[in-house]
C-alpha atoms as a PDB file:
ATOM      1  CA  MET A   1     -55.503 -21.222  13.064  1.00  0.00           C
ATOM      2  CA  ALA A   2     -52.179 -18.693  13.932  1.00  0.00           C
ATOM      3  CA  PHE A   3     -52.767 -17.063  10.674  1.00  0.00           C
ATOM      4  CA  THR A   4     -56.876 -16.670  11.075  1.00  0.00           C
ATOM      5  CA  ASN A   5     -56.576 -15.271  14.624  1.00  0.00           C
ATOM      6  CA  TYR A   6     -53.277 -12.587  13.688  1.00  0.00           C
ATOM      7  CA  LEU A   7     -55.598 -11.655  10.435  1.00  0.00           C
ATOM      8  CA  MET A   8     -58.656 -11.146  12.802  1.00  0.00           C
ATOM      9  CA  GLN A   9     -56.585  -9.424  15.874  1.00  0.00           C
ATOM     10  CA  SER A  10     -55.614  -6.818  13.534  1.00  0.00           C
ATOM     11  CA  LEU A  11     -59.006  -6.544  12.040  1.00  0.00           C
ATOM     12  CA  ILE A  12     -61.285  -6.271  15.015  1.00  0.00           C
ATOM     13  CA  PHE A  13     -58.473  -3.896  16.730  1.00  0.00           C
ATOM     14  CA  GLY A  14     -58.021  -1.893  13.610  1.00  0.00           C
ATOM     15  CA  ILE A  15     -62.080  -1.161  13.745  1.00  0.00           C
ATOM     16  CA  VAL A  16     -61.627  -0.733  17.633  1.00  0.00           C
ATOM     17  CA  PHE A  17     -58.455   1.605  17.786  1.00  0.00           C
ATOM     18  CA  TYR A  18     -58.016   3.658  14.439  1.00  0.00           C
ATOM     19  CA  GLY A  19     -60.569   6.313  12.496  1.00  0.00           C
ATOM     20  CA  TYR A  20     -61.789   3.974   9.941  1.00  0.00           C
ATOM     21  CA  GLY A  21     -63.872   2.525  13.202  1.00  0.00           C
ATOM     22  CA  LEU A  22     -64.117   3.188  16.559  1.00  0.00           C
ATOM     23  CA  GLY A  23     -61.327   5.861  16.880  1.00  0.00           C
ATOM     24  CA  LEU A  24     -60.287   4.480  20.618  1.00  0.00           C
ATOM     25  CA  PHE A  25     -56.182   4.696  20.426  1.00  0.00           C
ATOM     26  CA  GLY A  26     -55.648   7.044  23.000  1.00  0.00           C
ATOM     27  CA  ARG A  27     -58.523   7.421  24.500  1.00  0.00           C
ATOM     28  CA  LEU A  28     -58.612   4.105  26.833  1.00  0.00           C
ATOM     29  CA  GLY A  29     -56.870   4.107  29.529  1.00  0.00           C
ATOM     30  CA  ALA A  30     -54.351   0.919  30.220  1.00  0.00           C
ATOM     31  CA  SER A  31     -56.275  -0.809  31.937  1.00  0.00           C
ATOM     32  CA  ALA A  32     -59.315  -0.893  29.700  1.00  0.00           C
ATOM     33  CA  ALA A  33     -56.857  -2.029  26.840  1.00  0.00           C
ATOM     34  CA  LEU A  34     -55.885  -4.631  28.787  1.00  0.00           C
ATOM     35  CA  GLY A  35     -58.523  -6.005  29.102  1.00  0.00           C
ATOM     36  CA  LEU A  36     -60.699  -5.672  25.860  1.00  0.00           C
ATOM     37  CA  GLY A  37     -56.830  -7.716  24.724  1.00  0.00           C
ATOM     38  CA  SER A  38     -57.464 -10.405  27.332  1.00  0.00           C
ATOM     39  CA  ALA A  39     -61.101 -10.875  26.119  1.00  0.00           C
ATOM     40  CA  VAL A  40     -60.480 -10.881  22.373  1.00  0.00           C
ATOM     41  CA  TYR A  41     -57.558 -13.621  23.356  1.00  0.00           C
ATOM     42  CA  LEU A  42     -59.597 -15.883  25.598  1.00  0.00           C
ATOM     43  CA  ALA A  43     -62.268 -15.229  22.905  1.00  0.00           C
ATOM     44  CA  GLN A  44     -60.084 -16.589  20.271  1.00  0.00           C
ATOM     45  CA  VAL A  45     -58.790 -19.446  22.018  1.00  0.00           C
ATOM     46  CA  MET A  46     -62.175 -20.744  22.825  1.00  0.00           C
ATOM     47  CA  ILE A  47     -63.375 -20.107  19.274  1.00  0.00           C
ATOM     48  CA  SER A  48     -59.841 -22.239  18.192  1.00  0.00           C
ATOM     49  CA  ARG A  49     -60.424 -24.847  19.722  1.00  0.00           C
ATOM     50  CA  TRP A  50     -63.938 -25.013  18.812  1.00  0.00           C
ATOM     51  CA  TRP A  51     -62.926 -24.720  15.037  1.00  0.00           C
ATOM     52  CA  LEU A  52     -60.339 -27.405  15.124  1.00  0.00           C
ATOM     53  CA  SER A  53     -62.430 -29.497  16.978  1.00  0.00           C
ATOM     54  CA  ALA A  54     -64.453 -30.033  13.824  1.00  0.00           C
ATOM     55  CA  PHE A  55     -61.922 -29.141  10.942  1.00  0.00           C
ATOM     56  CA  ASN A  56     -58.176 -29.747  10.349  1.00  0.00           C
ATOM     57  CA  PHE A  57     -57.445 -26.070   9.567  1.00  0.00           C
ATOM     58  CA  GLY A  58     -58.206 -22.795   9.672  1.00  0.00           C
ATOM     59  CA  PRO A  59     -59.651 -20.825   7.324  1.00  0.00           C
ATOM     60  CA  VAL A  60     -57.570 -18.565   6.589  1.00  0.00           C
ATOM     61  CA  GLU A  61     -54.528 -21.673   6.664  1.00  0.00           C
ATOM     62  CA  TRP A  62     -57.402 -24.159   4.346  1.00  0.00           C
ATOM     63  CA  LEU A  63     -57.202 -21.202   1.618  1.00  0.00           C
ATOM     64  CA  TRP A  64     -53.459 -20.509   2.181  1.00  0.00           C
ATOM     65  CA  ARG A  65     -52.580 -24.505   2.115  1.00  0.00           C
ATOM     66  CA  SER A  66     -55.654 -24.485  -1.328  1.00  0.00           C
ATOM     67  CA  LEU A  67     -53.703 -21.946  -2.922  1.00  0.00           C
ATOM     68  CA  MET A  68     -50.101 -22.922  -2.658  1.00  0.00           C
ATOM     69  CA  TYR A  69     -50.678 -26.816  -3.613  1.00  0.00           C
ATOM     70  CA  GLY A  70     -53.172 -25.970  -6.944  1.00  0.00           C
ATOM     71  CA  ARG A  71     -55.665 -28.115  -4.419  1.00  0.00           C
ATOM     72  CA  ARG A  72     -57.934 -28.497  -1.867  1.00  0.00           C
ATOM     73  CA  PRO A  73     -57.021 -30.024   0.973  1.00  0.00           C
ATOM     74  CA  PRO A  74     -59.653 -32.059   3.181  1.00  0.00           C
ATOM     75  CA  ILE A  75     -60.725 -29.476   5.946  1.00  0.00           C
ATOM     76  CA  LYS A  76     -62.962 -31.913   7.719  1.00  0.00           C
ATOM     77  CA  SER A  77     -61.238 -33.448  10.704  1.00  0.00           C
ATOM     78  CA  PRO A  78     -61.835 -37.208  11.045  1.00  0.00           C
ATOM     79  CA  ARG A  79     -62.119 -36.663  14.703  1.00  0.00           C
ATOM     80  CA  SER A  80     -65.944 -34.938  14.274  1.00  0.00           C
ATOM     81  CA  GLY A  81     -68.470 -36.414  13.583  1.00  0.00           C
ATOM     82  CA  SER A  82     -69.579 -39.895  13.397  1.00  0.00           C
ATOM     83  CA  HIS A  83     -65.921 -41.257  14.241  1.00  0.00           C
ATOM     84  CA  ALA A  84     -65.530 -38.778  17.782  1.00  0.00           C
ATOM     85  CA  ALA A  85     -68.265 -40.801  18.833  1.00  0.00           C
ATOM     86  CA  VAL A  86     -67.417 -44.283  18.035  1.00  0.00           C
ATOM     87  CA  ALA A  87     -63.680 -43.729  19.290  1.00  0.00           C
ATOM     88  CA  ALA A  88     -65.571 -41.693  22.452  1.00  0.00           C
ATOM     89  CA  ALA A  89     -67.496 -44.855  22.991  1.00  0.00           C
END
């Protein structure tokens, strides 16, 4: 999920801070920028945790591996679905 999260942070903060988006660079104070950065980070942690409970890789990592190896690796995690219910019982 690291590459996926990196790209998402770049996209989110690019839209928030630069002219092609909201253009807030230099307009937000330090505490507001820290709050925004913390909120994005916490959201990514929660979404990544949810994603990895069902899948082996992040979406960008899966695409990267597919292109590098010339075949699609299994994206579904064996921990998801009915296997997780059996393992928990």
